[in-house]
Each structure stands twice: as structure tokens, then as C-alpha cells.
Amino acid sequence: MTRPAIILRLPAGAGGAAALSYAPRGDVTGLLAAAPVERAPALVRTLFAICANAQGHAAELAVEAALGLEASAGELVAREIRTWTEVAREHGLRISLDWARLLGEAPDLAHARAFMALSTADDSAILIGEAVIGLPPERWLAMTSTVELARWAGAGRTVASRFIATLFEASMLTPVGEVESGSLAARHADHPLLSRALPAGSLMACHVARLIDLCRVPARLAALRAGDAAPLRGVASGSGSGMAAVPCARGTLVHEVGVVAGRVGRYRIQSPTDRAFAPGGWAERHIQVLDAWPSADRARWAEVMMLALDPCVDYAVEVA
């Protein structure tokens, strides 16, 4: 049986320290080496079960930048619409299934299915409002203080609000340093809840950043459809080299490709998971906080921590 890419080991009793191991999988040169570069986006999509559309989107932009090409404006917009729709689906699934599980509730299968069926033509604002936040997304985004956030959470109308309420109860507001580059919290650092209301890098801030991201999707989709937003493009980084950064449900995904004689010579992916679980990164800092919790609570809060990052690879929390 293949071991998970991330293993978080927790001490069973008092004393001892939590330990984290992570095997990055970002260098996929060996899997793509010598493949015709035009096939790279399709091959990349087959390598990833999670955020496959964002992975393919980044690959397309990076390859085009390396070759000095650019898709039509309509194609660029269509790609980004597909990516943001995927972001909404991923957020909706994690909230409906994983947040419900940590609350001890049955999974919200009806809303999970609705998010799975969400298409690029649907009005995502309606589903987000009904299934996740209990009010129109723009009204939720208008909140600026912890008082307003606590009032919304305390009403307990949705899985998301009840989950955030548990973070208030457990005082999971402890700051742990700077916001991780490329994270959802970094993407939305301009929102008042993250810029001044919640401590930077806290579990609460990370989970709230997911809700901000989800609630901002409808406006981004509307702007793209109306032609009021410039779609993403790749960037040439030298002769035969290209780079692209695209949004995904875990933060910002970066692809870099080097082309030699029309074939892939180098291909590297940097995911939000790579940054967060790197030595000295967000996950390592939070492990130190876990050690202070009573042993009976550690496994649950370890899951809360992992879901704050929502790694794009398999993981296991082990108690020994």
C-alpha cells in the first residue's frame, strides 16, 4: 500500500512532540521528459485527481508562454471560467463533507451533489448563498469585524457557520506569524476580516479565507463573462521557458516549463501544499501549537489544521 504523501504523527500522551513528514511531488520532469510539448497540458491533467482543471489551465498558459504563443481572448476567458467554477466546486465539497464531519454531523450530501453538478453556465451565487453562508455572498463579504463574524457563526444556520463557531469557542485565533505566500489568506489579504480583524496565519483566518474565496467567485465569473476582467496569461521566463500562476481551491498554483526542440526538457509544479508544508512553513509552525493541547483533543485539532490547508495530496494523522 502506498504511504500518504503527508504524515502527521501525534504523541499519544503528555510529553513528546508532534512530527510532520512530507514528500513533495512537484518535479514531474521525469514523467513528461521528451514528450511533445503540445501534449504536456493533457498529460498534466491525467496526473492529478484534485484540481485537474487548474493544473491543465496552468500547463496551457506556461506552454504557450514558452513557445511565444497566446490563445484567443475568448479561449483565455473560457479557461479561467472553468477554473473558477472548479474552485467553487472544491470549496463546496470540503465544507459540505469535511466541515460537517468535524462537527460530528452527517455529511451534507444534497449540497455536495449540487456543487459537483455546478457548471460554468450556472449562477454560483445562488448555490453558495443557500448551501454555505445562508445569505447572498456580497452581504457576507460586507462583514468587517470579528463581532459580525461571531454573530453570523453563532446563528448556526449552515454547516459553515457552525464550524466557524467552534473555532471561536476553542480560541483558535492564536497568531502564528506571517501569511504563507500563495495561500488563500494571501490571495484575500485585502479583505478587512483578514487585514485587521483576525490574527495573520491563524487557523480561523485560514478557514475564513476559504469562505472569502468562495464568496468572491460569483463576482469574478460575472466580470469575466462581461469582458470587464483581463483573463490570466502566462509569462515567458527566457528562451523556451514559460511560467504561469493560476488560482486553485488551495491558493496559487505555479507551473514552469522548459522546452528543448519542441519537447519537454524541464517541468516543475509548485503547489500551495509545497509551500505550506515546506520546512519552517505554516504547517510546521502550527504543529508546535498542537503540542500545547490536551492529548484527548490533539487528533481533532490536527484535522482542523489539515483542513485549513486542505492539502492536494493524501495525508494521514497518526497517534502513537
C-alpha atoms as a PDB file:
ATOM      1  CA  MET A   1       0.000   0.000   0.000  1.00  0.00           C
ATOM      2  CA  THR A   2       1.353   3.455  -0.924  1.00  0.00           C
ATOM      3  CA  ARG A   3       2.082   5.657   2.076  1.00  0.00           C
ATOM      4  CA  PRO A   4       0.386   9.065   2.161  1.00  0.00           C
ATOM      5  CA  ALA A   5       2.489  11.969   0.952  1.00  0.00           C
ATOM      6  CA  ILE A   6       1.902  13.774   4.273  1.00  0.00           C
ATOM      7  CA  ILE A   7       2.058  12.053   7.659  1.00  0.00           C
ATOM      8  CA  LEU A   8       1.398  13.941  10.885  1.00  0.00           C
ATOM      9  CA  ARG A   9       2.388  11.925  13.958  1.00  0.00           C
ATOM     10  CA  LEU A  10       0.988  12.941  17.336  1.00  0.00           C
ATOM     11  CA  PRO A  11       2.175  11.748  20.746  1.00  0.00           C
ATOM     12  CA  ALA A  12      -0.450   9.628  22.485  1.00  0.00           C
ATOM     13  CA  GLY A  13       0.043  11.185  25.908  1.00  0.00           C
ATOM     14  CA  ALA A  14       1.659  14.073  27.687  1.00  0.00           C
ATOM     15  CA  GLY A  15       5.157  14.920  26.600  1.00  0.00           C
ATOM     16  CA  GLY A  16       6.680  14.162  23.269  1.00  0.00           C
ATOM     17  CA  ALA A  17       6.268  16.290  20.207  1.00  0.00           C
ATOM     18  CA  ALA A  18       4.261  16.135  17.010  1.00  0.00           C
ATOM     19  CA  ALA A  19       6.243  15.381  13.864  1.00  0.00           C
ATOM     20  CA  LEU A  20       5.477  16.075  10.239  1.00  0.00           C
ATOM     21  CA  SER A  21       6.827  14.400   7.117  1.00  0.00           C
ATOM     22  CA  TYR A  22       6.075  15.486   3.571  1.00  0.00           C
ATOM     23  CA  ALA A  23       7.378  14.165   0.284  1.00  0.00           C
ATOM     24  CA  PRO A  24       6.924  16.882  -2.379  1.00  0.00           C
ATOM     25  CA  ARG A  25       5.802  15.697  -5.788  1.00  0.00           C
ATOM     26  CA  GLY A  26       6.278  18.907  -7.727  1.00  0.00           C
ATOM     27  CA  ASP A  27       9.092  17.920 -10.087  1.00  0.00           C
ATOM     28  CA  VAL A  28       7.322  15.949 -12.797  1.00  0.00           C
ATOM     29  CA  THR A  29      10.112  16.258 -15.371  1.00  0.00           C
ATOM     30  CA  GLY A  30      10.707  12.516 -15.255  1.00  0.00           C
ATOM     31  CA  LEU A  31       7.073  11.850 -16.163  1.00  0.00           C
ATOM     32  CA  LEU A  32       6.967  14.346 -19.017  1.00  0.00           C
ATOM     33  CA  ALA A  33      10.561  14.282 -20.260  1.00  0.00           C
ATOM     34  CA  ALA A  34      10.887  14.297 -24.048  1.00  0.00           C
ATOM     35  CA  ALA A  35       7.113  14.390 -24.564  1.00  0.00           C
ATOM     36  CA  PRO A  36       5.978  16.719 -27.364  1.00  0.00           C
ATOM     37  CA  VAL A  37       5.337  19.985 -25.560  1.00  0.00           C
ATOM     38  CA  GLU A  38       1.874  20.413 -27.084  1.00  0.00           C
ATOM     39  CA  ARG A  39       0.828  17.230 -25.267  1.00  0.00           C
ATOM     40  CA  ALA A  40       2.001  18.473 -21.860  1.00  0.00           C
ATOM     41  CA  PRO A  41      -1.312  20.064 -20.715  1.00  0.00           C
ATOM     42  CA  ALA A  42      -3.286  16.882 -21.429  1.00  0.00           C
ATOM     43  CA  LEU A  43      -0.648  14.736 -19.724  1.00  0.00           C
ATOM     44  CA  VAL A  44      -0.578  17.027 -16.691  1.00  0.00           C
ATOM     45  CA  ARG A  45      -4.354  16.705 -16.315  1.00  0.00           C
ATOM     46  CA  THR A  46      -4.036  12.920 -16.118  1.00  0.00           C
ATOM     47  CA  LEU A  47      -1.508  13.167 -13.272  1.00  0.00           C
ATOM     48  CA  PHE A  48      -3.772  14.976 -10.820  1.00  0.00           C
ATOM     49  CA  ALA A  49      -7.133  13.889  -9.482  1.00  0.00           C
ATOM     50  CA  ILE A  50      -7.584  17.096  -7.462  1.00  0.00           C
ATOM     51  CA  CYS A  51      -7.826  20.496  -9.194  1.00  0.00           C
ATOM     52  CA  ALA A  52      -7.197  18.795 -12.541  1.00  0.00           C
ATOM     53  CA  ASN A  53      -8.680  21.735 -14.422  1.00  0.00           C
ATOM     54  CA  ALA A  54      -6.451  24.284 -12.657  1.00  0.00           C
ATOM     55  CA  GLN A  55      -3.436  22.059 -13.356  1.00  0.00           C
ATOM     56  CA  GLY A  56      -4.295  21.871 -17.041  1.00  0.00           C
ATOM     57  CA  HIS A  57      -5.024  25.599 -17.192  1.00  0.00           C
ATOM     58  CA  ALA A  58      -1.603  26.424 -15.726  1.00  0.00           C
ATOM     59  CA  ALA A  59       0.073  23.982 -18.111  1.00  0.00           C
ATOM     60  CA  GLU A  60      -1.611  25.528 -21.149  1.00  0.00           C
ATOM     61  CA  LEU A  61      -0.560  29.047 -20.173  1.00  0.00           C
ATOM     62  CA  ALA A  62       3.002  28.033 -19.298  1.00  0.00           C
ATOM     63  CA  VAL A  63       3.491  26.120 -22.555  1.00  0.00           C
ATOM     64  CA  GLU A  64       2.072  28.959 -24.633  1.00  0.00           C
ATOM     65  CA  ALA A  65       4.382  31.446 -22.901  1.00  0.00           C
ATOM     66  CA  ALA A  66       7.387  29.203 -23.540  1.00  0.00           C
ATOM     67  CA  LEU A  67       6.517  28.934 -27.242  1.00  0.00           C
ATOM     68  CA  GLY A  68       5.649  32.617 -27.658  1.00  0.00           C
ATOM     69  CA  LEU A  69       2.006  31.818 -28.396  1.00  0.00           C
ATOM     70  CA  GLU A  70      -1.259  33.059 -26.973  1.00  0.00           C
ATOM     71  CA  ALA A  71      -4.770  31.672 -27.209  1.00  0.00           C
ATOM     72  CA  SER A  72      -7.643  33.888 -28.304  1.00  0.00           C
ATOM     73  CA  ALA A  73      -9.233  36.187 -25.743  1.00  0.00           C
ATOM     74  CA  GLY A  74     -12.356  34.038 -25.806  1.00  0.00           C
ATOM     75  CA  GLU A  75     -10.396  30.868 -25.069  1.00  0.00           C
ATOM     76  CA  LEU A  76      -8.467  32.542 -22.251  1.00  0.00           C
ATOM     77  CA  VAL A  77     -11.724  33.674 -20.656  1.00  0.00           C
ATOM     78  CA  ALA A  78     -13.328  30.238 -21.077  1.00  0.00           C
ATOM     79  CA  ARG A  79     -10.353  28.559 -19.398  1.00  0.00           C
ATOM     80  CA  GLU A  80     -10.491  30.876 -16.414  1.00  0.00           C
ATOM     81  CA  ILE A  81     -14.248  30.459 -16.047  1.00  0.00           C
ATOM     82  CA  ARG A  82     -13.732  26.696 -15.901  1.00  0.00           C
ATOM     83  CA  THR A  83     -11.018  27.129 -13.285  1.00  0.00           C
ATOM     84  CA  TRP A  84     -13.078  29.373 -11.004  1.00  0.00           C
ATOM     85  CA  THR A  85     -16.069  27.023 -11.340  1.00  0.00           C
ATOM     86  CA  GLU A  86     -13.788  24.195 -10.218  1.00  0.00           C
ATOM     87  CA  VAL A  87     -12.663  26.334  -7.267  1.00  0.00           C
ATOM     88  CA  ALA A  88     -16.289  26.767  -6.195  1.00  0.00           C
ATOM     89  CA  ARG A  89     -16.929  23.024  -6.522  1.00  0.00           C
ATOM     90  CA  GLU A  90     -13.880  22.131  -4.409  1.00  0.00           C
ATOM     91  CA  HIS A  91     -14.763  24.598  -1.653  1.00  0.00           C
ATOM     92  CA  GLY A  92     -18.371  23.448  -1.597  1.00  0.00           C
ATOM     93  CA  LEU A  93     -17.380  19.803  -1.309  1.00  0.00           C
ATOM     94  CA  ARG A  94     -14.888  20.357   1.502  1.00  0.00           C
ATOM     95  CA  ILE A  95     -17.407  22.365   3.506  1.00  0.00           C
ATOM     96  CA  SER A  96     -20.360  20.033   2.879  1.00  0.00           C
ATOM     97  CA  LEU A  97     -18.390  16.865   3.649  1.00  0.00           C
ATOM     98  CA  ASP A  98     -15.282  17.577   5.765  1.00  0.00           C
ATOM     99  CA  TRP A  99     -16.508  20.504   7.868  1.00  0.00           C
ATOM    100  CA  ALA A 100     -19.686  18.559   8.611  1.00  0.00           C
ATOM    101  CA  ARG A 101     -17.610  15.517   9.647  1.00  0.00           C
ATOM    102  CA  LEU A 102     -15.525  17.533  12.108  1.00  0.00           C
ATOM    103  CA  LEU A 103     -18.734  18.882  13.620  1.00  0.00           C
ATOM    104  CA  GLY A 104     -19.922  15.315  14.181  1.00  0.00           C
ATOM    105  CA  GLU A 105     -22.760  15.888  11.720  1.00  0.00           C
ATOM    106  CA  ALA A 106     -23.863  13.729   8.818  1.00  0.00           C
ATOM    107  CA  PRO A 107     -22.339  14.832   5.519  1.00  0.00           C
ATOM    108  CA  ASP A 108     -24.468  17.331   3.615  1.00  0.00           C
ATOM    109  CA  LEU A 109     -24.808  15.065   0.614  1.00  0.00           C
ATOM    110  CA  ALA A 110     -27.530  17.084  -1.093  1.00  0.00           C
ATOM    111  CA  HIS A 111     -25.418  20.213  -1.277  1.00  0.00           C
ATOM    112  CA  ALA A 112     -22.280  18.212  -2.054  1.00  0.00           C
ATOM    113  CA  ARG A 113     -24.054  16.771  -5.103  1.00  0.00           C
ATOM    114  CA  ALA A 114     -25.222  20.246  -6.098  1.00  0.00           C
ATOM    115  CA  PHE A 115     -21.647  21.537  -6.043  1.00  0.00           C
ATOM    116  CA  MET A 116     -20.444  18.509  -8.004  1.00  0.00           C
ATOM    117  CA  ALA A 117     -23.033  19.321 -10.672  1.00  0.00           C
ATOM    118  CA  LEU A 118     -22.177  23.033 -10.781  1.00  0.00           C
ATOM    119  CA  SER A 119     -21.479  24.037 -14.384  1.00  0.00           C
ATOM    120  CA  THR A 120     -19.809  27.052 -15.930  1.00  0.00           C
ATOM    121  CA  ALA A 121     -23.243  28.318 -17.021  1.00  0.00           C
ATOM    122  CA  ASP A 122     -24.804  28.198 -13.539  1.00  0.00           C
ATOM    123  CA  ASP A 123     -25.276  31.159 -11.193  1.00  0.00           C
ATOM    124  CA  SER A 124     -22.926  30.024  -8.423  1.00  0.00           C
ATOM    125  CA  ALA A 125     -24.093  32.819  -6.110  1.00  0.00           C
ATOM    126  CA  ILE A 126     -27.438  31.101  -5.554  1.00  0.00           C
ATOM    127  CA  LEU A 127     -25.912  27.789  -4.511  1.00  0.00           C
ATOM    128  CA  ILE A 128     -23.230  29.424  -2.345  1.00  0.00           C
ATOM    129  CA  GLY A 129     -25.836  31.507  -0.565  1.00  0.00           C
ATOM    130  CA  GLU A 130     -28.195  28.614   0.093  1.00  0.00           C
ATOM    131  CA  ALA A 131     -25.692  25.868   0.865  1.00  0.00           C
ATOM    132  CA  VAL A 132     -22.809  27.608   2.608  1.00  0.00           C
ATOM    133  CA  ILE A 133     -23.421  31.020   4.105  1.00  0.00           C
ATOM    134  CA  GLY A 134     -27.180  31.450   4.406  1.00  0.00           C
ATOM    135  CA  LEU A 135     -27.274  34.869   2.727  1.00  0.00           C
ATOM    136  CA  PRO A 136     -26.137  36.441  -0.563  1.00  0.00           C
ATOM    137  CA  PRO A 137     -22.341  36.242  -0.975  1.00  0.00           C
ATOM    138  CA  GLU A 138     -21.950  40.010  -1.329  1.00  0.00           C
ATOM    139  CA  ARG A 139     -23.677  40.551   2.020  1.00  0.00           C
ATOM    140  CA  TRP A 140     -21.389  38.049   3.746  1.00  0.00           C
ATOM    141  CA  LEU A 141     -18.355  39.753   2.209  1.00  0.00           C
ATOM    142  CA  ALA A 142     -19.523  43.062   3.698  1.00  0.00           C
ATOM    143  CA  MET A 143     -18.591  41.844   7.193  1.00  0.00           C
ATOM    144  CA  THR A 144     -15.527  43.636   8.560  1.00  0.00           C
ATOM    145  CA  SER A 145     -15.178  42.644  12.221  1.00  0.00           C
ATOM    146  CA  THR A 146     -14.942  39.588  14.461  1.00  0.00           C
ATOM    147  CA  VAL A 147     -18.145  40.759  16.153  1.00  0.00           C
ATOM    148  CA  GLU A 148     -20.061  40.459  12.885  1.00  0.00           C
ATOM    149  CA  LEU A 149     -18.367  37.163  12.067  1.00  0.00           C
ATOM    150  CA  ALA A 150     -19.194  35.755  15.508  1.00  0.00           C
ATOM    151  CA  ARG A 151     -22.813  36.865  15.191  1.00  0.00           C
ATOM    152  CA  TRP A 152     -23.129  35.117  11.823  1.00  0.00           C
ATOM    153  CA  ALA A 153     -21.382  31.994  13.125  1.00  0.00           C
ATOM    154  CA  GLY A 154     -23.449  31.913  16.306  1.00  0.00           C
ATOM    155  CA  ALA A 155     -26.711  31.856  14.359  1.00  0.00           C
ATOM    156  CA  GLY A 156     -25.670  28.383  13.163  1.00  0.00           C
ATOM    157  CA  ARG A 157     -27.800  28.349  10.031  1.00  0.00           C
ATOM    158  CA  THR A 158     -25.322  26.371   7.906  1.00  0.00           C
ATOM    159  CA  VAL A 159     -22.518  23.840   8.275  1.00  0.00           C
ATOM    160  CA  ALA A 160     -20.016  26.615   7.572  1.00  0.00           C
ATOM    161  CA  SER A 161     -21.351  28.936  10.253  1.00  0.00           C
ATOM    162  CA  ARG A 162     -21.460  26.169  12.872  1.00  0.00           C
ATOM    163  CA  PHE A 163     -17.900  25.127  12.019  1.00  0.00           C
ATOM    164  CA  ILE A 164     -16.560  28.677  12.340  1.00  0.00           C
ATOM    165  CA  ALA A 165     -18.411  28.970  15.667  1.00  0.00           C
ATOM    166  CA  THR A 166     -16.396  26.040  17.049  1.00  0.00           C
ATOM    167  CA  LEU A 167     -13.182  27.884  16.214  1.00  0.00           C
ATOM    168  CA  PHE A 168     -14.335  30.846  18.267  1.00  0.00           C
ATOM    169  CA  GLU A 169     -15.189  28.531  21.162  1.00  0.00           C
ATOM    170  CA  ALA A 170     -11.757  26.934  21.053  1.00  0.00           C
ATOM    171  CA  SER A 171      -9.934  30.288  20.816  1.00  0.00           C
ATOM    172  CA  MET A 172      -8.232  29.217  17.595  1.00  0.00           C
ATOM    173  CA  LEU A 173      -7.263  32.818  16.931  1.00  0.00           C
ATOM    174  CA  THR A 174      -3.658  32.456  18.066  1.00  0.00           C
ATOM    175  CA  PRO A 175      -1.387  34.199  15.542  1.00  0.00           C
ATOM    176  CA  VAL A 176       1.469  32.139  14.162  1.00  0.00           C
ATOM    177  CA  GLY A 177       3.357  34.654  12.054  1.00  0.00           C
ATOM    178  CA  GLU A 178       3.232  35.912   8.515  1.00  0.00           C
ATOM    179  CA  VAL A 179       0.682  34.757   5.972  1.00  0.00           C
ATOM    180  CA  GLU A 180       2.017  31.994   3.736  1.00  0.00           C
ATOM    181  CA  SER A 181       2.828  33.196   0.212  1.00  0.00           C
ATOM    182  CA  GLY A 182       0.453  31.763  -2.360  1.00  0.00           C
ATOM    183  CA  SER A 183      -2.190  30.796   0.228  1.00  0.00           C
ATOM    184  CA  LEU A 184      -5.860  31.733   0.191  1.00  0.00           C
ATOM    185  CA  ALA A 185      -5.176  34.130   3.057  1.00  0.00           C
ATOM    186  CA  ALA A 186      -2.542  35.858   0.926  1.00  0.00           C
ATOM    187  CA  ARG A 187      -4.923  35.990  -2.058  1.00  0.00           C
ATOM    188  CA  HIS A 188      -7.504  37.835   0.026  1.00  0.00           C
ATOM    189  CA  ALA A 189      -5.247  39.855   2.324  1.00  0.00           C
ATOM    190  CA  ASP A 190      -7.188  42.969   1.282  1.00  0.00           C
ATOM    191  CA  HIS A 191     -10.423  41.813   2.954  1.00  0.00           C
ATOM    192  CA  PRO A 192     -10.995  43.515   6.335  1.00  0.00           C
ATOM    193  CA  LEU A 193     -11.540  40.213   8.135  1.00  0.00           C
ATOM    194  CA  LEU A 194      -8.015  39.192   7.179  1.00  0.00           C
ATOM    195  CA  SER A 195      -6.250  42.555   7.032  1.00  0.00           C
ATOM    196  CA  ARG A 196      -7.248  43.728  10.514  1.00  0.00           C
ATOM    197  CA  ALA A 197      -9.862  41.561  12.266  1.00  0.00           C
ATOM    198  CA  LEU A 198      -8.226  38.124  12.541  1.00  0.00           C
ATOM    199  CA  PRO A 199      -4.636  37.320  13.520  1.00  0.00           C
ATOM    200  CA  ALA A 200      -2.491  36.607  10.492  1.00  0.00           C
ATOM    201  CA  GLY A 201      -1.790  32.943   9.881  1.00  0.00           C
ATOM    202  CA  SER A 202      -4.272  31.679  12.474  1.00  0.00           C
ATOM    203  CA  LEU A 203      -6.480  28.655  11.825  1.00  0.00           C
ATOM    204  CA  MET A 204      -9.500  30.930  11.945  1.00  0.00           C
ATOM    205  CA  ALA A 205      -8.007  33.218   9.299  1.00  0.00           C
ATOM    206  CA  CYS A 206      -7.220  30.265   7.022  1.00  0.00           C
ATOM    207  CA  HIS A 207     -10.741  28.840   7.225  1.00  0.00           C
ATOM    208  CA  VAL A 208     -12.355  32.272   6.817  1.00  0.00           C
ATOM    209  CA  ALA A 209     -10.140  32.846   3.771  1.00  0.00           C
ATOM    210  CA  ARG A 210     -11.802  29.805   2.158  1.00  0.00           C
ATOM    211  CA  LEU A 211     -15.213  31.401   2.662  1.00  0.00           C
ATOM    212  CA  ILE A 212     -13.987  34.723   1.271  1.00  0.00           C
ATOM    213  CA  ASP A 213     -12.582  32.929  -1.768  1.00  0.00           C
ATOM    214  CA  LEU A 214     -15.836  31.085  -2.352  1.00  0.00           C
ATOM    215  CA  CYS A 215     -17.963  34.212  -1.927  1.00  0.00           C
ATOM    216  CA  ARG A 216     -15.809  36.170  -4.392  1.00  0.00           C
ATOM    217  CA  VAL A 217     -16.138  33.572  -7.151  1.00  0.00           C
ATOM    218  CA  PRO A 218     -19.515  34.818  -8.498  1.00  0.00           C
ATOM    219  CA  ALA A 219     -18.225  38.377  -8.957  1.00  0.00           C
ATOM    220  CA  ARG A 220     -15.085  37.174 -10.749  1.00  0.00           C
ATOM    221  CA  LEU A 221     -17.155  34.959 -13.047  1.00  0.00           C
ATOM    222  CA  ALA A 222     -19.535  37.826 -13.799  1.00  0.00           C
ATOM    223  CA  ALA A 223     -16.633  40.152 -14.640  1.00  0.00           C
ATOM    224  CA  LEU A 224     -15.064  37.581 -16.963  1.00  0.00           C
ATOM    225  CA  ARG A 225     -18.356  36.939 -18.766  1.00  0.00           C
ATOM    226  CA  ALA A 226     -18.965  40.669 -19.200  1.00  0.00           C
ATOM    227  CA  GLY A 227     -15.475  41.322 -20.509  1.00  0.00           C
ATOM    228  CA  ASP A 228     -14.677  43.530 -17.523  1.00  0.00           C
ATOM    229  CA  ALA A 229     -11.685  41.476 -16.307  1.00  0.00           C
ATOM    230  CA  ALA A 230      -8.438  40.663 -18.068  1.00  0.00           C
ATOM    231  CA  PRO A 231      -8.001  36.881 -18.191  1.00  0.00           C
ATOM    232  CA  LEU A 232      -4.857  35.214 -16.902  1.00  0.00           C
ATOM    233  CA  ARG A 233      -1.854  34.779 -19.189  1.00  0.00           C
ATOM    234  CA  GLY A 234       1.469  33.011 -18.899  1.00  0.00           C
ATOM    235  CA  VAL A 235       4.837  34.770 -18.724  1.00  0.00           C
ATOM    236  CA  ALA A 236       7.923  33.969 -20.789  1.00  0.00           C
ATOM    237  CA  SER A 237      10.903  33.488 -18.480  1.00  0.00           C
ATOM    238  CA  GLY A 238      13.619  33.098 -21.088  1.00  0.00           C
ATOM    239  CA  SER A 239      14.179  31.398 -24.413  1.00  0.00           C
ATOM    240  CA  GLY A 240      11.997  28.288 -24.482  1.00  0.00           C
ATOM    241  CA  SER A 241      10.825  28.804 -20.905  1.00  0.00           C
ATOM    242  CA  GLY A 242       7.404  29.779 -19.607  1.00  0.00           C
ATOM    243  CA  MET A 243       5.653  30.201 -16.284  1.00  0.00           C
ATOM    244  CA  ALA A 244       2.022  30.552 -15.247  1.00  0.00           C
ATOM    245  CA  ALA A 245       0.262  31.146 -11.940  1.00  0.00           C
ATOM    246  CA  VAL A 246      -3.431  30.273 -11.651  1.00  0.00           C
ATOM    247  CA  PRO A 247      -5.908  30.112  -8.773  1.00  0.00           C
ATOM    248  CA  CYS A 248      -6.962  26.831  -7.253  1.00  0.00           C
ATOM    249  CA  ALA A 249      -9.020  25.970  -4.189  1.00  0.00           C
ATOM    250  CA  ARG A 250      -5.891  25.813  -2.022  1.00  0.00           C
ATOM    251  CA  GLY A 251      -4.185  29.029  -3.130  1.00  0.00           C
ATOM    252  CA  THR A 252      -1.995  29.794  -6.126  1.00  0.00           C
ATOM    253  CA  LEU A 253      -0.650  27.064  -8.401  1.00  0.00           C
ATOM    254  CA  VAL A 254       2.574  27.748 -10.338  1.00  0.00           C
ATOM    255  CA  HIS A 255       3.822  25.794 -13.375  1.00  0.00           C
ATOM    256  CA  GLU A 256       7.220  26.253 -15.017  1.00  0.00           C
ATOM    257  CA  VAL A 257       8.212  24.556 -18.267  1.00  0.00           C
ATOM    258  CA  GLY A 258      11.390  24.443 -20.334  1.00  0.00           C
ATOM    259  CA  VAL A 259      11.158  23.419 -23.986  1.00  0.00           C
ATOM    260  CA  VAL A 260      14.002  21.889 -25.996  1.00  0.00           C
ATOM    261  CA  ALA A 261      13.497  21.200 -29.707  1.00  0.00           C
ATOM    262  CA  GLY A 262       9.727  21.098 -29.307  1.00  0.00           C
ATOM    263  CA  ARG A 263       9.787  18.661 -26.387  1.00  0.00           C
ATOM    264  CA  VAL A 264       9.567  18.987 -22.619  1.00  0.00           C
ATOM    265  CA  GLY A 265      13.053  19.412 -21.177  1.00  0.00           C
ATOM    266  CA  ARG A 266      12.034  20.539 -17.696  1.00  0.00           C
ATOM    267  CA  TYR A 267       8.710  20.716 -15.884  1.00  0.00           C
ATOM    268  CA  ARG A 268       8.164  21.821 -12.308  1.00  0.00           C
ATOM    269  CA  ILE A 269       4.974  22.471 -10.350  1.00  0.00           C
ATOM    270  CA  GLN A 270       4.810  24.439  -7.121  1.00  0.00           C
ATOM    271  CA  SER A 271       1.533  23.917  -5.314  1.00  0.00           C
ATOM    272  CA  PRO A 272       0.159  25.664  -2.217  1.00  0.00           C
ATOM    273  CA  THR A 273       0.799  22.375  -0.407  1.00  0.00           C
ATOM    274  CA  ASP A 274       4.514  22.532  -1.287  1.00  0.00           C
ATOM    275  CA  ARG A 275       4.813  25.987   0.258  1.00  0.00           C
ATOM    276  CA  ALA A 276       2.736  25.303   3.371  1.00  0.00           C
ATOM    277  CA  PHE A 277       4.449  22.006   4.245  1.00  0.00           C
ATOM    278  CA  ALA A 278       7.988  23.114   3.455  1.00  0.00           C
ATOM    279  CA  PRO A 279      10.466  23.210   6.367  1.00  0.00           C
ATOM    280  CA  GLY A 280       9.655  26.225   8.509  1.00  0.00           C
ATOM    281  CA  GLY A 281       6.328  26.720   6.749  1.00  0.00           C
ATOM    282  CA  TRP A 282       2.808  27.241   8.038  1.00  0.00           C
ATOM    283  CA  ALA A 283       2.151  23.580   8.884  1.00  0.00           C
ATOM    284  CA  GLU A 284       5.370  23.174  10.852  1.00  0.00           C
ATOM    285  CA  ARG A 285       4.601  26.281  12.899  1.00  0.00           C
ATOM    286  CA  HIS A 286       1.116  25.045  13.745  1.00  0.00           C
ATOM    287  CA  ILE A 287       2.411  21.673  14.896  1.00  0.00           C
ATOM    288  CA  GLN A 288       4.061  23.478  17.797  1.00  0.00           C
ATOM    289  CA  VAL A 289       0.632  24.830  18.789  1.00  0.00           C
ATOM    290  CA  LEU A 290      -0.826  21.299  18.737  1.00  0.00           C
ATOM    291  CA  ASP A 291       1.662  20.164  21.385  1.00  0.00           C
ATOM    292  CA  ALA A 292       0.048  22.525  23.884  1.00  0.00           C
ATOM    293  CA  TRP A 293      -3.406  20.981  23.514  1.00  0.00           C
ATOM    294  CA  PRO A 294      -4.650  18.194  25.831  1.00  0.00           C
ATOM    295  CA  SER A 295      -3.840  14.802  24.312  1.00  0.00           C
ATOM    296  CA  ALA A 296      -7.544  13.931  24.013  1.00  0.00           C
ATOM    297  CA  ASP A 297      -8.112  16.936  21.727  1.00  0.00           C
ATOM    298  CA  ARG A 298      -4.984  16.799  19.584  1.00  0.00           C
ATOM    299  CA  ALA A 299      -6.213  14.460  16.855  1.00  0.00           C
ATOM    300  CA  ARG A 300      -9.340  16.517  16.211  1.00  0.00           C
ATOM    301  CA  TRP A 301      -7.485  19.826  16.104  1.00  0.00           C
ATOM    302  CA  ALA A 302      -4.858  18.255  13.894  1.00  0.00           C
ATOM    303  CA  GLU A 303      -7.671  17.553  11.432  1.00  0.00           C
ATOM    304  CA  VAL A 304      -8.850  21.156  11.752  1.00  0.00           C
ATOM    305  CA  MET A 305      -5.306  22.245  10.968  1.00  0.00           C
ATOM    306  CA  MET A 306      -5.033  19.949   7.954  1.00  0.00           C
ATOM    307  CA  LEU A 307      -8.366  21.142   6.572  1.00  0.00           C
ATOM    308  CA  ALA A 308      -7.226  24.756   6.967  1.00  0.00           C
ATOM    309  CA  LEU A 309      -4.590  23.884   4.358  1.00  0.00           C
ATOM    310  CA  ASP A 310      -6.650  21.253   2.520  1.00  0.00           C
ATOM    311  CA  PRO A 311      -3.557  19.614   1.004  1.00  0.00           C
ATOM    312  CA  CYS A 312      -3.828  18.481  -2.589  1.00  0.00           C
ATOM    313  CA  VAL A 313      -2.228  15.127  -1.749  1.00  0.00           C
ATOM    314  CA  ASP A 314      -3.269  12.282   0.542  1.00  0.00           C
ATOM    315  CA  TYR A 315      -2.430  12.604   4.226  1.00  0.00           C
ATOM    316  CA  ALA A 316      -2.752  10.687   7.474  1.00  0.00           C
ATOM    317  CA  VAL A 317      -2.896  11.760  11.120  1.00  0.00           C
ATOM    318  CA  GLU A 318      -1.353   9.058  13.317  1.00  0.00           C
ATOM    319  CA  VAL A 319      -1.322   8.847  17.114  1.00  0.00           C
ATOM    320  CA  ALA A 320       1.492   6.843  18.680  1.00  0.00           C
END
